[in-house]
Amino acid sequence: MIQFPSAKINLGLQLVEKRPDGFHNLVSCFYPVGWADALEILPSSDGGATFTLSGLPVPGDPTANLCWKAYELLRRNFELPPIQMHLHKAIPMGAGLGGGSADAAFTLKILNQQFGLDLGEEALENYARQLGSDCAFFIRNRPVLAVEKGDVFEPMELDLTGWHLLLVYPNLAISTAEAYAAVSPRFPKKSLKTLLAQEVSSWKDEVVNDFEQSLFPKYPVLADLKTQLYEMGAVYASMSGSGSTMYGLFQTPPAQPLPFPQEYSVWQGVL
């Protein structure tokens, strides 16, 4: 069985306060987008469990990958057979797009479907939360307002159908630990849900990603990309998650050819 774990963007990200457990409470809208990996899981043909990779290089031991951890997590409660799992990586890592979290969540969904585990969405979300803060989002994979650690969701009536999205990853990986190291949490003056209910044209001056304040001075290329996206005609531009992907929302497709260096990873499509 093969599926295509897709990325998400953050429409606004407010870092509200640091928690006693060391994490941060945040408020952000997670919105699914079409940039996707490919994940195939089959019963093992020779009785041995294997996990292979292709596409973008993934550092580290494959058995430490979230996909394999998802398989091992379900094996604690279910008699899963040995499998052959293959992940083709297309979503950049350290990009603020949730690619690894999506891969883990889709692993849970494929295993549930392929081996008849009969787990509902809520149960799958509970497993996903054990793998990472935003993994649970990718179980239902629809727009939500994420709160607390980013693993508690509220319904979000937001429809960007028809908007053109341009994602630009400047080949710069930013670890979550690095991104959080310099942030200054604060309670926002306006709720993100209220701000996102306004016209997209108003978001430029009000819907912010709090990571930009600390990361833009350290990585000027990110601020330059945001300016460039607005110069190209974006109605709204922002960094996604803790970086370093920058994105722009356009009412019409941006002019071609796109003016980015060849080493950048770029995705564009219609929401």
C-alpha atoms as a PDB file:
ATOM      1  CA  MET A   1       0.000   0.000   0.000  1.00  0.00           C
ATOM      2  CA  ILE A   2       1.339   3.412  -0.940  1.00  0.00           C
ATOM      3  CA  GLN A   3       0.257   6.841   0.287  1.00  0.00           C
ATOM      4  CA  PHE A   4       1.632  10.362   0.013  1.00  0.00           C
ATOM      5  CA  PRO A   5       2.278  12.120   3.338  1.00  0.00           C
ATOM      6  CA  SER A   6       1.756  15.805   2.657  1.00  0.00           C
ATOM      7  CA  ALA A   7       3.163  18.887   4.359  1.00  0.00           C
ATOM      8  CA  LYS A   8       1.500  21.716   6.232  1.00  0.00           C
ATOM      9  CA  ILE A   9       2.097  25.427   6.613  1.00  0.00           C
ATOM     10  CA  ASN A  10       1.538  27.607   9.655  1.00  0.00           C
ATOM     11  CA  LEU A  11      -0.788  30.544   9.170  1.00  0.00           C
ATOM     12  CA  GLY A  12       0.460  32.650  12.046  1.00  0.00           C
ATOM     13  CA  LEU A  13       2.321  31.290  15.041  1.00  0.00           C
ATOM     14  CA  GLN A  14       2.000  32.891  18.455  1.00  0.00           C
ATOM     15  CA  LEU A  15       4.354  31.700  21.194  1.00  0.00           C
ATOM     16  CA  VAL A  16       2.323  32.372  24.300  1.00  0.00           C
ATOM     17  CA  GLU A  17       4.318  31.092  27.286  1.00  0.00           C
ATOM     18  CA  LYS A  18       6.917  28.598  28.413  1.00  0.00           C
ATOM     19  CA  ARG A  19       5.502  25.559  30.164  1.00  0.00           C
ATOM     20  CA  PRO A  20       6.824  23.967  33.366  1.00  0.00           C
ATOM     21  CA  ASP A  21       7.790  20.868  31.319  1.00  0.00           C
ATOM     22  CA  GLY A  22      10.136  22.951  29.141  1.00  0.00           C
ATOM     23  CA  PHE A  23       7.872  23.077  26.086  1.00  0.00           C
ATOM     24  CA  HIS A  24       6.031  26.185  24.936  1.00  0.00           C
ATOM     25  CA  ASN A  25       2.325  26.846  24.653  1.00  0.00           C
ATOM     26  CA  LEU A  26       1.547  28.178  21.206  1.00  0.00           C
ATOM     27  CA  VAL A  27      -1.343  29.119  18.955  1.00  0.00           C
ATOM     28  CA  SER A  28      -1.122  28.448  15.238  1.00  0.00           C
ATOM     29  CA  CYS A  29      -3.308  27.478  12.310  1.00  0.00           C
ATOM     30  CA  PHE A  30      -2.067  24.308  10.635  1.00  0.00           C
ATOM     31  CA  TYR A  31      -3.108  24.185   6.993  1.00  0.00           C
ATOM     32  CA  PRO A  32      -2.406  21.141   4.755  1.00  0.00           C
ATOM     33  CA  VAL A  33      -0.602  21.657   1.437  1.00  0.00           C
ATOM     34  CA  GLY A  34       0.298  19.429  -1.475  1.00  0.00           C
ATOM     35  CA  TRP A  35       4.090  19.050  -1.159  1.00  0.00           C
ATOM     36  CA  ALA A  36       4.377  15.344  -0.341  1.00  0.00           C
ATOM     37  CA  ASP A  37       6.653  12.381   0.312  1.00  0.00           C
ATOM     38  CA  ALA A  38       5.814   8.850  -0.850  1.00  0.00           C
ATOM     39  CA  LEU A  39       5.458   6.019   1.651  1.00  0.00           C
ATOM     40  CA  GLU A  40       4.986   2.346   0.759  1.00  0.00           C
ATOM     41  CA  ILE A  41       4.361  -0.453   3.264  1.00  0.00           C
ATOM     42  CA  LEU A  42       4.051  -4.119   2.268  1.00  0.00           C
ATOM     43  CA  PRO A  43       4.113  -7.390   4.196  1.00  0.00           C
ATOM     44  CA  SER A  44       7.647  -8.745   4.193  1.00  0.00           C
ATOM     45  CA  SER A  45       8.313 -11.230   1.402  1.00  0.00           C
ATOM     46  CA  ASP A  46      11.067 -13.083   3.297  1.00  0.00           C
ATOM     47  CA  GLY A  47      10.049 -12.717   6.944  1.00  0.00           C
ATOM     48  CA  GLY A  48      12.503  -9.926   7.689  1.00  0.00           C
ATOM     49  CA  ALA A  49      11.448  -6.351   8.511  1.00  0.00           C
ATOM     50  CA  THR A  50      13.183  -3.661   6.461  1.00  0.00           C
ATOM     51  CA  PHE A  51      13.055   0.125   6.119  1.00  0.00           C
ATOM     52  CA  THR A  52      14.647   1.765   3.082  1.00  0.00           C
ATOM     53  CA  LEU A  53      14.971   5.357   1.921  1.00  0.00           C
ATOM     54  CA  SER A  54      15.352   7.272  -1.315  1.00  0.00           C
ATOM     55  CA  GLY A  55      15.071  10.874  -2.461  1.00  0.00           C
ATOM     56  CA  LEU A  56      16.482  13.580  -0.198  1.00  0.00           C
ATOM     57  CA  PRO A  57      19.144  12.236   2.165  1.00  0.00           C
ATOM     58  CA  VAL A  58      17.891  11.480   5.673  1.00  0.00           C
ATOM     59  CA  PRO A  59      20.661  11.554   8.294  1.00  0.00           C
ATOM     60  CA  GLY A  60      20.940   9.099  11.150  1.00  0.00           C
ATOM     61  CA  ASP A  61      20.063   5.480  11.764  1.00  0.00           C
ATOM     62  CA  PRO A  62      16.961   4.454   9.761  1.00  0.00           C
ATOM     63  CA  THR A  63      15.575   2.643  12.806  1.00  0.00           C
ATOM     64  CA  ALA A  64      15.478   6.026  14.582  1.00  0.00           C
ATOM     65  CA  ASN A  65      13.217   7.420  11.849  1.00  0.00           C
ATOM     66  CA  LEU A  66       9.718   8.389  12.989  1.00  0.00           C
ATOM     67  CA  CYS A  67       8.178   5.995  10.460  1.00  0.00           C
ATOM     68  CA  TRP A  68       9.944   3.031  12.032  1.00  0.00           C
ATOM     69  CA  LYS A  69       9.138   4.322  15.517  1.00  0.00           C
ATOM     70  CA  ALA A  70       5.454   4.444  14.509  1.00  0.00           C
ATOM     71  CA  TYR A  71       5.613   0.798  13.445  1.00  0.00           C
ATOM     72  CA  GLU A  72       7.319  -0.197  16.698  1.00  0.00           C
ATOM     73  CA  LEU A  73       4.771   1.802  18.688  1.00  0.00           C
ATOM     74  CA  LEU A  74       1.836  -0.133  17.240  1.00  0.00           C
ATOM     75  CA  ARG A  75       3.678  -3.427  17.652  1.00  0.00           C
ATOM     76  CA  ARG A  76       3.502  -2.944  21.414  1.00  0.00           C
ATOM     77  CA  ASN A  77      -0.256  -3.457  21.275  1.00  0.00           C
ATOM     78  CA  PHE A  78      -0.856  -5.400  18.059  1.00  0.00           C
ATOM     79  CA  GLU A  79       0.693  -8.499  16.520  1.00  0.00           C
ATOM     80  CA  LEU A  80       1.916  -6.831  13.366  1.00  0.00           C
ATOM     81  CA  PRO A  81       3.806  -8.995  10.875  1.00  0.00           C
ATOM     82  CA  PRO A  82       7.268  -8.054   9.578  1.00  0.00           C
ATOM     83  CA  ILE A  83       6.992  -5.391   6.880  1.00  0.00           C
ATOM     84  CA  GLN A  84       8.923  -3.833   4.054  1.00  0.00           C
ATOM     85  CA  MET A  85       8.683  -0.052   4.375  1.00  0.00           C
ATOM     86  CA  HIS A  86      10.082   2.411   1.848  1.00  0.00           C
ATOM     87  CA  LEU A  87      10.057   6.201   2.195  1.00  0.00           C
ATOM     88  CA  HIS A  88      10.844   8.469  -0.733  1.00  0.00           C
ATOM     89  CA  LYS A  89      11.715  11.837   0.797  1.00  0.00           C
ATOM     90  CA  ALA A  90      10.731  14.979  -1.133  1.00  0.00           C
ATOM     91  CA  ILE A  91       9.759  17.395   1.677  1.00  0.00           C
ATOM     92  CA  PRO A  92      12.940  19.052   3.022  1.00  0.00           C
ATOM     93  CA  MET A  93      13.876  18.449   6.652  1.00  0.00           C
ATOM     94  CA  GLY A  94      14.262  21.284   9.137  1.00  0.00           C
ATOM     95  CA  ALA A  95      11.946  23.283   6.923  1.00  0.00           C
ATOM     96  CA  GLY A  96       8.976  23.992   9.192  1.00  0.00           C
ATOM     97  CA  LEU A  97       6.663  21.920   6.998  1.00  0.00           C
ATOM     98  CA  GLY A  98       6.090  18.942   9.299  1.00  0.00           C
ATOM     99  CA  GLY A  99       7.336  16.401   6.776  1.00  0.00           C
ATOM    100  CA  GLY A 100       8.705  13.932   9.322  1.00  0.00           C
ATOM    101  CA  SER A 101       5.560  14.221  11.421  1.00  0.00           C
ATOM    102  CA  ALA A 102       3.408  13.584   8.358  1.00  0.00           C
ATOM    103  CA  ASP A 103       5.445  10.476   7.511  1.00  0.00           C
ATOM    104  CA  ALA A 104       4.921   9.118  11.028  1.00  0.00           C
ATOM    105  CA  ALA A 105       1.184   9.804  11.037  1.00  0.00           C
ATOM    106  CA  PHE A 106       0.693   8.249   7.609  1.00  0.00           C
ATOM    107  CA  THR A 107       2.627   5.185   8.766  1.00  0.00           C
ATOM    108  CA  LEU A 108       0.069   4.738  11.524  1.00  0.00           C
ATOM    109  CA  LYS A 109      -2.803   5.193   9.066  1.00  0.00           C
ATOM    110  CA  ILE A 110      -1.406   2.742   6.526  1.00  0.00           C
ATOM    111  CA  LEU A 111      -0.716   0.074   9.147  1.00  0.00           C
ATOM    112  CA  ASN A 112      -4.189   0.553  10.586  1.00  0.00           C
ATOM    113  CA  GLN A 113      -5.810   0.116   7.199  1.00  0.00           C
ATOM    114  CA  GLN A 114      -3.567  -2.599   5.803  1.00  0.00           C
ATOM    115  CA  PHE A 115      -3.728  -4.882   8.825  1.00  0.00           C
ATOM    116  CA  GLY A 116      -7.302  -4.182   9.940  1.00  0.00           C
ATOM    117  CA  LEU A 117      -6.453  -2.743  13.364  1.00  0.00           C
ATOM    118  CA  ASP A 118      -9.820  -0.948  13.503  1.00  0.00           C
ATOM    119  CA  LEU A 119      -8.405   2.177  15.155  1.00  0.00           C
ATOM    120  CA  GLY A 120     -10.542   5.321  14.870  1.00  0.00           C
ATOM    121  CA  GLU A 121      -9.134   8.778  14.217  1.00  0.00           C
ATOM    122  CA  GLU A 122      -9.061   9.701  17.903  1.00  0.00           C
ATOM    123  CA  ALA A 123      -7.108   6.555  18.792  1.00  0.00           C
ATOM    124  CA  LEU A 124      -4.675   7.179  15.933  1.00  0.00           C
ATOM    125  CA  GLU A 125      -4.188  10.748  17.152  1.00  0.00           C
ATOM    126  CA  ASN A 126      -3.327   9.479  20.621  1.00  0.00           C
ATOM    127  CA  TYR A 127      -0.669   7.204  19.156  1.00  0.00           C
ATOM    128  CA  ALA A 128       0.622  10.047  16.974  1.00  0.00           C
ATOM    129  CA  ARG A 129       1.016  12.378  19.968  1.00  0.00           C
ATOM    130  CA  GLN A 130       3.518   9.913  21.413  1.00  0.00           C
ATOM    131  CA  LEU A 131       5.727  10.452  18.362  1.00  0.00           C
ATOM    132  CA  GLY A 132       5.772  14.262  18.180  1.00  0.00           C
ATOM    133  CA  SER A 133       3.827  17.387  19.020  1.00  0.00           C
ATOM    134  CA  ASP A 134       2.344  18.023  15.572  1.00  0.00           C
ATOM    135  CA  CYS A 135       2.102  14.397  14.376  1.00  0.00           C
ATOM    136  CA  ALA A 136      -1.539  14.128  15.425  1.00  0.00           C
ATOM    137  CA  PHE A 137      -2.542  16.880  12.991  1.00  0.00           C
ATOM    138  CA  PHE A 138      -1.757  14.681  10.010  1.00  0.00           C
ATOM    139  CA  ILE A 139      -4.226  11.968  11.023  1.00  0.00           C
ATOM    140  CA  ARG A 140      -7.230  14.017   9.895  1.00  0.00           C
ATOM    141  CA  ASN A 141      -5.121  16.406   7.794  1.00  0.00           C
ATOM    142  CA  ARG A 142      -7.517  19.333   7.663  1.00  0.00           C
ATOM    143  CA  PRO A 143      -7.195  22.969   8.852  1.00  0.00           C
ATOM    144  CA  VAL A 144      -7.166  23.365  12.627  1.00  0.00           C
ATOM    145  CA  LEU A 145      -6.244  25.887  15.263  1.00  0.00           C
ATOM    146  CA  ALA A 146      -3.441  24.170  17.179  1.00  0.00           C
ATOM    147  CA  VAL A 147      -2.937  25.130  20.826  1.00  0.00           C
ATOM    148  CA  GLU A 148      -0.888  24.068  23.866  1.00  0.00           C
ATOM    149  CA  LYS A 149       2.182  22.188  22.489  1.00  0.00           C
ATOM    150  CA  GLY A 150       0.633  22.134  19.029  1.00  0.00           C
ATOM    151  CA  ASP A 151      -1.042  18.805  19.700  1.00  0.00           C
ATOM    152  CA  VAL A 152      -4.477  19.999  20.843  1.00  0.00           C
ATOM    153  CA  PHE A 153      -6.814  21.116  18.074  1.00  0.00           C
ATOM    154  CA  GLU A 154      -9.850  23.319  17.666  1.00  0.00           C
ATOM    155  CA  PRO A 155     -12.008  23.356  14.520  1.00  0.00           C
ATOM    156  CA  MET A 156     -10.981  26.081  12.083  1.00  0.00           C
ATOM    157  CA  GLU A 157     -13.426  27.412   9.509  1.00  0.00           C
ATOM    158  CA  LEU A 158     -10.841  28.624   7.021  1.00  0.00           C
ATOM    159  CA  ASP A 159     -10.997  27.897   3.325  1.00  0.00           C
ATOM    160  CA  LEU A 160      -8.209  29.075   1.024  1.00  0.00           C
ATOM    161  CA  THR A 161      -9.460  27.112  -1.976  1.00  0.00           C
ATOM    162  CA  GLY A 162      -8.278  28.714  -5.192  1.00  0.00           C
ATOM    163  CA  TRP A 163      -5.333  30.605  -3.684  1.00  0.00           C
ATOM    164  CA  HIS A 164      -1.944  29.984  -5.279  1.00  0.00           C
ATOM    165  CA  LEU A 165       0.769  28.915  -2.861  1.00  0.00           C
ATOM    166  CA  LEU A 166       4.498  29.262  -3.438  1.00  0.00           C
ATOM    167  CA  LEU A 167       6.869  27.534  -1.000  1.00  0.00           C
ATOM    168  CA  VAL A 168      10.589  28.340  -1.008  1.00  0.00           C
ATOM    169  CA  TYR A 169      13.097  26.374   1.056  1.00  0.00           C
ATOM    170  CA  PRO A 170      16.515  28.121   0.925  1.00  0.00           C
ATOM    171  CA  ASN A 171      18.486  24.946   1.648  1.00  0.00           C
ATOM    172  CA  LEU A 172      18.849  25.996   5.279  1.00  0.00           C
ATOM    173  CA  ALA A 173      17.901  23.535   8.001  1.00  0.00           C
ATOM    174  CA  ILE A 174      16.918  25.067  11.345  1.00  0.00           C
ATOM    175  CA  SER A 175      16.536  22.672  14.249  1.00  0.00           C
ATOM    176  CA  THR A 176      13.572  23.038  16.573  1.00  0.00           C
ATOM    177  CA  ALA A 177      15.941  23.474  19.518  1.00  0.00           C
ATOM    178  CA  GLU A 178      17.761  26.328  17.788  1.00  0.00           C
ATOM    179  CA  ALA A 179      14.521  28.060  16.848  1.00  0.00           C
ATOM    180  CA  TYR A 180      13.143  27.945  20.385  1.00  0.00           C
ATOM    181  CA  ALA A 181      16.425  28.960  22.058  1.00  0.00           C
ATOM    182  CA  ALA A 182      16.024  32.688  21.380  1.00  0.00           C
ATOM    183  CA  VAL A 183      12.265  33.225  21.521  1.00  0.00           C
ATOM    184  CA  SER A 184      10.499  35.520  23.990  1.00  0.00           C
ATOM    185  CA  PRO A 185       6.964  34.224  24.628  1.00  0.00           C
ATOM    186  CA  ARG A 186       4.201  36.764  25.105  1.00  0.00           C
ATOM    187  CA  PHE A 187       0.438  36.820  25.245  1.00  0.00           C
ATOM    188  CA  PRO A 188      -0.942  38.308  21.993  1.00  0.00           C
ATOM    189  CA  LYS A 189      -3.149  41.381  21.961  1.00  0.00           C
ATOM    190  CA  LYS A 190      -5.513  39.770  19.440  1.00  0.00           C
ATOM    191  CA  SER A 191      -6.420  36.115  19.069  1.00  0.00           C
ATOM    192  CA  LEU A 192      -5.107  34.404  15.954  1.00  0.00           C
ATOM    193  CA  LYS A 193      -8.545  32.959  15.252  1.00  0.00           C
ATOM    194  CA  THR A 194      -9.965  36.488  15.085  1.00  0.00           C
ATOM    195  CA  LEU A 195      -7.166  37.715  12.837  1.00  0.00           C
ATOM    196  CA  LEU A 196      -7.522  34.826  10.397  1.00  0.00           C
ATOM    197  CA  ALA A 197     -11.264  35.458  10.126  1.00  0.00           C
ATOM    198  CA  GLN A 198     -10.419  38.760   8.427  1.00  0.00           C
ATOM    199  CA  GLU A 199      -9.658  39.170   4.735  1.00  0.00           C
ATOM    200  CA  VAL A 200      -6.322  37.722   3.632  1.00  0.00           C
ATOM    201  CA  SER A 201      -5.313  41.217   2.497  1.00  0.00           C
ATOM    202  CA  SER A 202      -5.252  42.305   6.155  1.00  0.00           C
ATOM    203  CA  TRP A 203      -2.948  39.503   7.310  1.00  0.00           C
ATOM    204  CA  LYS A 204       0.278  41.194   6.158  1.00  0.00           C
ATOM    205  CA  ASP A 205       0.390  43.600   9.079  1.00  0.00           C
ATOM    206  CA  GLU A 206      -1.285  41.474  11.746  1.00  0.00           C
ATOM    207  CA  VAL A 207      -0.766  37.725  11.283  1.00  0.00           C
ATOM    208  CA  VAL A 208       2.794  37.040  12.409  1.00  0.00           C
ATOM    209  CA  ASN A 209       5.060  34.086  13.059  1.00  0.00           C
ATOM    210  CA  ASP A 210       6.860  34.881  16.314  1.00  0.00           C
ATOM    211  CA  PHE A 211       9.937  32.886  15.247  1.00  0.00           C
ATOM    212  CA  GLU A 212      10.674  35.485  12.580  1.00  0.00           C
ATOM    213  CA  GLN A 213      11.692  38.042  15.216  1.00  0.00           C
ATOM    214  CA  SER A 214      14.620  35.934  16.437  1.00  0.00           C
ATOM    215  CA  LEU A 215      15.540  34.041  13.264  1.00  0.00           C
ATOM    216  CA  PHE A 216      15.500  36.855  10.680  1.00  0.00           C
ATOM    217  CA  PRO A 217      18.474  38.729  12.236  1.00  0.00           C
ATOM    218  CA  LYS A 218      20.465  35.491  12.387  1.00  0.00           C
ATOM    219  CA  TYR A 219      19.493  34.380   8.863  1.00  0.00           C
ATOM    220  CA  PRO A 220      18.959  37.517   6.713  1.00  0.00           C
ATOM    221  CA  VAL A 221      18.133  35.339   3.691  1.00  0.00           C
ATOM    222  CA  LEU A 222      14.756  34.615   5.289  1.00  0.00           C
ATOM    223  CA  ALA A 223      13.825  38.287   5.598  1.00  0.00           C
ATOM    224  CA  ASP A 224      15.052  38.841   2.045  1.00  0.00           C
ATOM    225  CA  LEU A 225      12.856  36.007   0.763  1.00  0.00           C
ATOM    226  CA  LYS A 226       9.802  37.433   2.516  1.00  0.00           C
ATOM    227  CA  THR A 227      10.426  40.819   0.898  1.00  0.00           C
ATOM    228  CA  GLN A 228      10.949  39.116  -2.464  1.00  0.00           C
ATOM    229  CA  LEU A 229       7.653  37.245  -2.203  1.00  0.00           C
ATOM    230  CA  TYR A 230       5.783  40.493  -1.587  1.00  0.00           C
ATOM    231  CA  GLU A 231       7.599  42.112  -4.520  1.00  0.00           C
ATOM    232  CA  MET A 232       6.415  39.188  -6.662  1.00  0.00           C
ATOM    233  CA  GLY A 233       2.810  40.001  -5.777  1.00  0.00           C
ATOM    234  CA  ALA A 234       2.064  37.860  -2.730  1.00  0.00           C
ATOM    235  CA  VAL A 235      -0.935  39.059  -0.750  1.00  0.00           C
ATOM    236  CA  TYR A 236       0.527  37.415   2.333  1.00  0.00           C
ATOM    237  CA  ALA A 237       3.980  35.982   3.031  1.00  0.00           C
ATOM    238  CA  SER A 238       5.424  34.315   6.109  1.00  0.00           C
ATOM    239  CA  MET A 239       7.790  31.723   7.479  1.00  0.00           C
ATOM    240  CA  SER A 240       6.259  28.315   8.169  1.00  0.00           C
ATOM    241  CA  GLY A 241       6.685  26.817  11.621  1.00  0.00           C
ATOM    242  CA  SER A 242      10.141  27.258  13.084  1.00  0.00           C
ATOM    243  CA  GLY A 243      11.606  27.696   9.594  1.00  0.00           C
ATOM    244  CA  SER A 244      13.179  27.885   7.244  1.00  0.00           C
ATOM    245  CA  THR A 245      10.594  27.582   4.447  1.00  0.00           C
ATOM    246  CA  MET A 246       9.069  30.879   3.379  1.00  0.00           C
ATOM    247  CA  TYR A 247       5.743  30.944   1.574  1.00  0.00           C
ATOM    248  CA  GLY A 248       3.536  33.378  -0.284  1.00  0.00           C
ATOM    249  CA  LEU A 249      -0.182  33.358  -0.998  1.00  0.00           C
ATOM    250  CA  PHE A 250      -1.071  34.737  -4.429  1.00  0.00           C
ATOM    251  CA  GLN A 251      -4.418  35.451  -6.041  1.00  0.00           C
ATOM    252  CA  THR A 252      -2.950  34.604  -9.456  1.00  0.00           C
ATOM    253  CA  PRO A 253       0.062  32.416 -10.288  1.00  0.00           C
ATOM    254  CA  PRO A 254       3.415  34.165  -9.757  1.00  0.00           C
ATOM    255  CA  ALA A 255       5.258  35.161 -12.911  1.00  0.00           C
ATOM    256  CA  GLN A 256       7.602  32.595 -14.434  1.00  0.00           C
ATOM    257  CA  PRO A 257      10.467  31.821 -14.360  1.00  0.00           C
ATOM    258  CA  LEU A 258      10.809  31.984 -10.609  1.00  0.00           C
ATOM    259  CA  PRO A 259      13.821  34.074  -9.504  1.00  0.00           C
ATOM    260  CA  PHE A 260      15.377  31.691  -6.980  1.00  0.00           C
ATOM    261  CA  PRO A 261      18.808  30.016  -6.938  1.00  0.00           C
ATOM    262  CA  GLN A 262      18.966  26.501  -8.341  1.00  0.00           C
ATOM    263  CA  GLU A 263      19.943  25.012  -4.972  1.00  0.00           C
ATOM    264  CA  TYR A 264      16.662  26.158  -3.390  1.00  0.00           C
ATOM    265  CA  SER A 265      13.735  23.733  -3.204  1.00  0.00           C
ATOM    266  CA  VAL A 266      10.545  25.260  -4.576  1.00  0.00           C
ATOM    267  CA  TRP A 267       6.973  23.994  -4.670  1.00  0.00           C
ATOM    268  CA  GLN A 268       3.941  25.749  -6.091  1.00  0.00           C
ATOM    269  CA  GLY A 269       0.336  24.752  -6.442  1.00  0.00           C
ATOM    270  CA  VAL A 270      -3.278  25.726  -5.910  1.00  0.00           C
ATOM    271  CA  LEU A 271      -4.869  25.211  -2.513  1.00  0.00           C
END
